[in-house]
Amino acid sequence: MQFNPKISVVTVVYNAKPLLEKTILSVISQSYLNIEYLIIDGGSDDGTLELAEHYQSQIALILSGKDNGIYDAMNKSLKNATGDYILFLNAGDELYDKDTLKKVFATKANADVYYGNTAVMNAVGEVIGDRRLKPPAVMDWKSLRHGMCVSHQSFIAKRLLCDFYNVDYRIAADIDWVINVLKQSESTVNTGIYISKFLAGGTSHHHQRFAWMERFRIMTKHYGLVATLWNHFYILLRYPLHKLTKKSMT
């Protein structure tokens, strides 16, 4: 039998009207039909909500109201999502093509986690390369010890394995969340395809020093202080090498 689970795709947005429509279109144009699409808006006043409501007939839930940041909004979606799996796709990001989700669930039935590659887009929507860190062939919770090797937008998890985001982290809670999901996972599948197109920039990019501090706290919690210090030494050596060889796109 064909594996046809319901997937909840979530877009958290706040005052991002110029970015949102392409994201919506990439979801509602999927050839895979068993999609529950949720848009969680933080109380936008720039026309974002009105744009979402234009597509209301193809969106399962539009929830708007003040929140305490992106991870609080994501927790709202976890309370409301009813899919077997969940994927977070931020405003400005897109599913890679119209058959992406169909391809994902054709790889293997009933995996705990599906993941894949991520392309990087510039502000006008042009693909400018691949994300710097590549997903490993086989992934478990220890795979993130050298950094976020899989993009949040290319990570599809069983909803029952998804705990709430730790809102004590303001920028890097997604790393903590992914590690926690992987700790509970018994089967992860590298789909071998591009799952998403990621818009370069974002909160962690603009607050890089604070993001690094949070990531260090998270890595220490999961991997221990000594291992984290050693891993960050490796990361610091690797980063300029990528810049020098122009392999890094984000």
Foldseek 3Di string as FASTA:
>chain_A
DQAQWAEEEEEEDEQPQVQAPQAVCLVLLAPRDRYAYEYEYQAHDNCNLVVCVVVVVSHNYYHYHHADADLRSVLVVLVVDDTQKYAYAYRNKHFPHRHQVVLQSVQDHDFQKEFEWEFEAEPVGDGDGTALAAADQDDALCVCLLHDNGDSRGMMGGSVLFDGFDVVDRAPSSNLRVSSSRVPGDGYHHSHDHGMYHYPDDDCNVVVVSNVVVVLVSSCVVPNNVSSVVSVVVNVVVVVVCVVVVVHDD
